[in-house]
Protein backbone atom coordinates (compact mmCIF):
# COMPACT_ATOMS: atom_id res chain seq x y z
CA MET A 1 -2.23 5.85 -15.56
CA ARG A 2 -0.87 7.00 -12.10
CA ILE A 3 -1.54 4.39 -9.27
CA ALA A 4 -1.18 4.40 -5.49
CA SER A 5 -1.61 2.58 -2.78
CA TRP A 6 -1.26 3.43 1.25
CA ASN A 7 -2.28 2.00 4.61
CA LEU A 8 -2.92 5.57 6.21
CA LEU A 9 -3.46 3.97 9.26
CA HIS A 10 -6.73 6.57 9.82
CA GLY A 11 -4.44 9.32 9.62
CA LEU A 12 -2.41 8.83 12.77
CA GLY A 13 0.65 11.46 13.34
CA ILE A 14 4.23 9.54 13.74
CA PRO A 15 5.73 9.43 16.38
CA ASP A 16 3.28 11.68 18.41
CA GLY A 17 0.56 9.05 17.67
CA LYS A 18 -2.14 12.11 17.54
CA TYR A 19 -4.77 12.53 14.98
CA ASP A 20 -4.84 16.33 13.38
CA HIS A 21 -7.45 17.04 10.46
CA ASP A 22 -5.30 19.62 8.34
CA ARG A 23 -2.25 17.20 8.75
CA LEU A 24 -4.35 14.40 7.25
CA ILE A 25 -5.54 16.77 4.37
CA ALA A 26 -1.61 18.21 3.97
CA ASN A 27 -0.69 14.52 3.68
CA ALA A 28 -3.19 13.51 1.17
CA ARG A 29 -2.24 16.65 -0.97
CA LEU A 30 1.04 15.13 -1.96
CA PHE A 31 -0.99 12.51 -4.02
CA SER A 32 -2.83 15.37 -6.28
CA GLU A 33 -0.55 13.97 -9.44
CA MET A 34 -2.60 10.09 -8.99
CA ASP A 35 -5.10 8.91 -11.19
CA LEU A 36 -6.13 5.92 -9.04
CA VAL A 37 -5.35 5.71 -5.07
CA ALA A 38 -6.18 2.91 -2.93
CA LEU A 39 -6.60 3.40 0.99
CA GLN A 40 -6.39 1.09 3.90
CA GLU A 41 -7.19 1.77 7.63
CA VAL A 42 -9.93 4.41 6.68
CA ASP A 43 -11.98 6.02 9.18
CA HIS A 44 -15.61 6.93 8.77
CA GLY A 45 -17.50 8.83 11.46
CA GLN A 46 -14.89 7.74 14.61
CA PRO A 47 -15.17 9.75 17.46
CA ARG A 48 -10.88 9.26 17.67
CA THR A 49 -10.85 11.12 14.29
CA GLN A 50 -12.96 14.16 15.09
CA PHE A 51 -16.03 12.19 13.26
CA ASP A 52 -14.09 13.12 10.48
CA HIS A 53 -15.39 11.25 6.48
CA GLN A 54 -11.83 10.36 5.81
CA THR A 55 -12.53 9.22 2.48
CA GLU A 56 -14.27 12.30 1.21
CA LEU A 57 -11.60 14.69 2.81
CA ILE A 58 -9.17 12.73 1.03
CA CYS A 59 -11.08 12.76 -2.20
CA GLU A 60 -10.95 16.39 -2.23
CA ALA A 61 -7.51 16.90 -1.28
CA MET A 62 -6.07 14.47 -3.65
CA ASN A 63 -8.34 16.38 -6.21
CA LEU A 64 -9.87 13.13 -7.35
CA PRO A 65 -13.60 13.26 -8.16
CA TYR A 66 -14.99 9.51 -7.75
CA HIS A 67 -14.59 7.61 -4.34
CA ALA A 68 -16.19 4.12 -3.13
CA PHE A 69 -15.60 3.33 0.35
CA SER A 70 -16.37 -0.22 1.72
CA PRO A 71 -16.70 -0.94 5.55
CA ALA A 72 -15.15 -3.82 7.10
CA LEU A 73 -16.39 -3.42 10.28
CA PHE A 74 -19.03 -1.22 12.27
CA GLY A 75 -17.95 0.47 15.41
CA THR A 76 -14.41 1.16 16.46
CA PRO A 77 -11.37 -1.58 15.48
CA GLY A 78 -9.38 -2.95 18.55
CA GLU A 79 -12.76 -2.16 20.76
CA LYS A 80 -16.28 -2.73 20.24
CA TRP A 81 -17.52 -3.71 16.72
CA GLN A 82 -19.89 -5.82 15.08
CA SER A 83 -19.87 -7.21 11.35
CA ALA A 84 -23.17 -6.78 10.40
CA HIS A 85 -24.35 -3.37 8.70
CA HIS A 86 -25.29 -0.65 10.87
CA PRO A 87 -25.76 2.82 9.42
CA ASP A 88 -25.46 4.33 12.81
CA LEU A 89 -22.02 3.27 14.07
CA PRO A 90 -19.20 4.56 12.82
CA GLN A 91 -17.21 2.34 10.08
CA PHE A 92 -13.50 1.35 9.41
CA GLY A 93 -12.88 0.06 6.37
CA VAL A 94 -10.82 0.27 2.56
CA ALA A 95 -11.39 3.19 -0.37
CA LEU A 96 -10.67 3.65 -3.94
CA LEU A 97 -10.75 7.41 -5.50
CA SER A 98 -10.06 7.55 -9.08
CA ARG A 99 -10.01 10.67 -11.52
CA ARG A 100 -12.09 8.79 -13.92
CA ALA A 101 -15.64 7.45 -13.31
CA PRO A 102 -15.89 3.89 -13.05
CA LEU A 103 -18.24 1.66 -15.11
CA ALA A 104 -18.87 -0.57 -11.76
CA ILE A 105 -18.21 -0.44 -7.90
CA HIS A 106 -18.04 -3.80 -6.32
CA HIS A 107 -17.73 -5.45 -3.19
CA PHE A 108 -16.04 -7.93 -1.25
CA THR A 109 -16.16 -9.24 2.34
CA MET A 110 -14.17 -12.03 4.46
CA LYS A 111 -14.17 -13.20 7.45
CA GLY A 112 -11.22 -12.75 10.29
CA ALA A 113 -9.37 -15.36 11.86
CA PRO A 114 -11.64 -16.53 15.28
CA PHE A 115 -8.68 -15.88 17.08
CA GLY A 116 -5.66 -12.94 17.11
CA ALA A 117 -2.14 -12.69 17.47
CA PRO A 118 0.94 -10.24 19.02
CA LEU A 119 0.77 -7.26 16.49
CA PHE A 120 3.16 -4.13 17.03
CA ILE A 121 1.67 -0.87 17.47
CA PRO A 122 3.10 2.46 17.15
CA ASN A 123 3.82 4.11 20.75
CA SER A 124 2.50 0.91 22.34
CA GLY A 125 4.93 -1.88 21.47
CA PHE A 126 3.98 -5.56 20.86
CA ILE A 127 -0.13 -6.07 21.78
CA TYR A 128 -2.34 -8.73 21.64
CA ILE A 129 -4.92 -7.89 18.78
CA LYS A 130 -8.09 -10.12 18.19
CA ASP A 131 -8.06 -10.27 14.19
CA GLU A 132 -11.22 -8.44 12.47
CA PRO A 133 -13.07 -8.89 9.46
CA ARG A 134 -11.62 -7.48 6.06
CA ALA A 135 -13.11 -6.07 2.92
CA ALA A 136 -12.07 -5.07 -0.25
CA VAL A 137 -13.59 -2.76 -2.99
CA ALA A 138 -13.13 -2.82 -6.46
CA MET A 139 -13.86 -0.23 -9.27
CA GLU A 140 -14.50 -1.62 -12.73
CA PHE A 141 -13.22 0.46 -15.61
CA GLU A 142 -13.09 -0.87 -19.50
CA ASN A 143 -10.09 -2.16 -19.74
CA PHE A 144 -9.37 -3.16 -16.07
CA VAL A 145 -10.64 -3.34 -12.87
CA ILE A 146 -8.73 -2.38 -9.57
CA ALA A 147 -9.15 -3.57 -5.70
CA SER A 148 -8.10 -1.86 -2.67
CA THR A 149 -8.23 -4.34 0.43
CA HIS A 150 -6.17 -4.65 3.93
CA LEU A 151 -5.70 -8.62 4.91
CA SER A 152 -5.43 -10.13 8.03
CA PHE A 153 -2.39 -10.22 10.14
CA VAL A 154 -2.59 -13.89 11.25
CA PRO A 155 -0.69 -16.33 9.23
CA GLY A 156 -2.54 -18.52 6.86
CA TYR A 157 -5.56 -16.64 6.83
CA ASN A 158 -4.25 -14.04 4.96
CA VAL A 159 -3.09 -16.19 2.16
CA ALA A 160 -6.53 -17.95 2.52
CA GLN A 161 -8.44 -14.41 1.69
CA LEU A 162 -5.32 -13.25 -0.87
CA ARG A 163 -6.51 -16.78 -2.77
CA LYS A 164 -10.37 -15.99 -2.25
CA LEU A 165 -9.99 -12.57 -3.61
CA THR A 166 -7.81 -13.20 -6.45
CA LYS A 167 -10.93 -15.54 -7.32
CA TRP A 168 -13.40 -13.41 -6.93
CA LEU A 169 -11.41 -10.52 -9.73
CA LYS A 170 -11.04 -13.33 -12.19
CA GLN A 171 -14.40 -13.26 -12.94
CA PHE A 172 -14.74 -9.91 -14.46
CA GLY A 173 -12.83 -10.90 -17.12
CA LYS A 174 -10.28 -7.95 -17.39
CA PRO A 175 -6.88 -7.63 -16.41
CA ALA A 176 -7.20 -6.87 -12.11
CA MET A 177 -4.76 -5.53 -9.49
CA ILE A 178 -5.12 -6.19 -5.75
CA ALA A 179 -3.83 -3.02 -4.16
CA GLY A 180 -3.14 -2.79 -0.33
CA ASP A 181 -1.78 -4.14 2.72
CA LEU A 182 -1.80 -7.95 2.25
CA ASN A 183 -0.07 -8.44 5.37
CA LEU A 184 2.32 -10.64 3.29
CA PRO A 185 6.11 -10.85 2.89
CA PRO A 186 7.09 -11.14 -0.56
CA SER A 187 8.33 -14.61 -0.44
CA LEU A 188 5.20 -15.93 0.60
CA ILE A 189 3.31 -14.12 -2.41
CA LYS A 190 5.38 -15.94 -4.50
CA LYS A 191 4.66 -19.22 -2.66
CA SER A 192 1.14 -18.49 -2.75
CA THR A 193 -0.13 -17.27 -5.68
CA ARG A 194 1.48 -16.36 -9.56
CA TRP A 195 0.52 -12.96 -9.39
CA LYS A 196 3.47 -10.53 -8.92
CA SER A 197 3.85 -6.66 -7.87
CA LEU A 198 4.59 -4.44 -10.21
CA ALA A 199 6.45 -2.65 -7.83
CA GLN A 200 8.92 -3.64 -5.26
CA LEU A 201 9.55 -1.71 -2.10
CA LYS A 202 9.97 -2.33 1.76
CA THR A 203 7.12 -0.54 3.18
CA TYR A 204 6.87 -1.06 6.81
CA PRO A 205 7.95 0.06 9.22
CA LYS A 206 7.76 3.49 7.96
CA TRP A 207 10.32 5.22 10.01
CA GLY A 208 13.25 1.79 9.01
CA PRO A 209 11.39 -0.18 6.66
CA ARG A 210 12.10 -4.12 6.78
CA THR A 211 9.69 -5.70 4.45
CA GLN A 212 7.25 -5.10 1.90
CA LEU A 213 3.76 -5.84 2.96
CA ASP A 214 2.16 -3.02 0.58
CA TYR A 215 1.86 -4.27 -3.12
CA LEU A 216 0.36 -3.64 -6.45
CA LEU A 217 -0.37 -6.85 -7.43
CA VAL A 218 -1.38 -8.46 -11.21
CA GLU A 219 -1.40 -11.93 -12.56
CA ASP A 220 0.10 -10.95 -16.02
CA PRO A 221 2.42 -7.51 -15.78
CA SER A 222 2.54 -7.47 -19.78
CA MET A 223 -1.18 -6.43 -19.46
CA TRP A 224 -0.42 -3.30 -17.97
CA GLY A 225 2.27 -1.79 -19.95
CA ALA A 226 5.29 0.28 -19.21
CA ILE A 227 6.23 0.37 -15.55
CA THR A 228 7.64 3.49 -13.91
CA THR A 229 7.87 3.14 -9.80
CA LEU A 230 7.30 6.73 -8.69
CA PRO A 231 8.99 8.47 -5.96
CA THR A 232 7.79 8.19 -2.33
CA PRO A 233 6.44 11.59 -0.68
CA SER A 234 7.74 12.54 2.38
CA LEU A 235 4.51 11.82 4.89
CA THR A 236 4.16 12.48 8.40
CA ILE A 237 1.21 10.29 9.19
CA SER A 238 0.65 6.06 9.21
CA ASP A 239 3.50 3.80 10.12
CA HIS A 240 3.48 2.41 6.49
CA LEU A 241 5.04 3.97 3.24
CA PRO A 242 3.12 3.95 0.17
CA LEU A 243 3.19 2.36 -3.33
CA LEU A 244 3.42 4.95 -6.09
CA LEU A 245 3.40 3.83 -9.90
CA ASP A 246 3.23 4.69 -13.38
CA CYS A 247 1.75 2.06 -15.75
CA GLY A 248 0.68 1.89 -19.43
CA ILE A 249 -2.93 0.40 -19.35
CA GLU A 250 -5.71 3.14 -20.10
């Protein structure tokens, strides 16, 4: 089972800071050998990304027939948005793509912090950003369950969200994986949970990685069989490097 996790920064080009529909598709095709792909910072009908439904576009480009998207907010992140469901507004969230049909799809929402923090924005530097709601989408299969998520960048709130998410996944009674941008360094992952990442790689920032923020996190690595970390493709979008691995679970 080949699994990848990637914060795609809604397809924003680095270093030009622009969105290009064709460039998004070209980058997505580099993941066509994957069986499961967890995506974060995905746009759905956003003006800033040409109103593209990115989950569907990427799913087709990666040649993966099944997909699920979970909105974290309705509106435009960093501008005007709401957490309440509103089908007429653009959406922003996380997604899972799969080669195999899932038995079920599950959604989990988490409140953001009531305040923000300085955050590094490509081409803009450090800017104070208000925190936003978070979401997770999970696919349940016969022998395991996997969730894609993007946790808060506010210290402490991301730890609390991670603990809530691990507790939620345990209810399925199967080996579980959290794939995504957890906004936590490895030292805090180790202190805040007993779960372990199947891949160790500095993923942020892409142009000079200094720390790992992206994980393929599991409670018991032995349940996932032999693990092989796969080479990272050369990408022209996003400020994060993806994680790719091959594991023995079926």
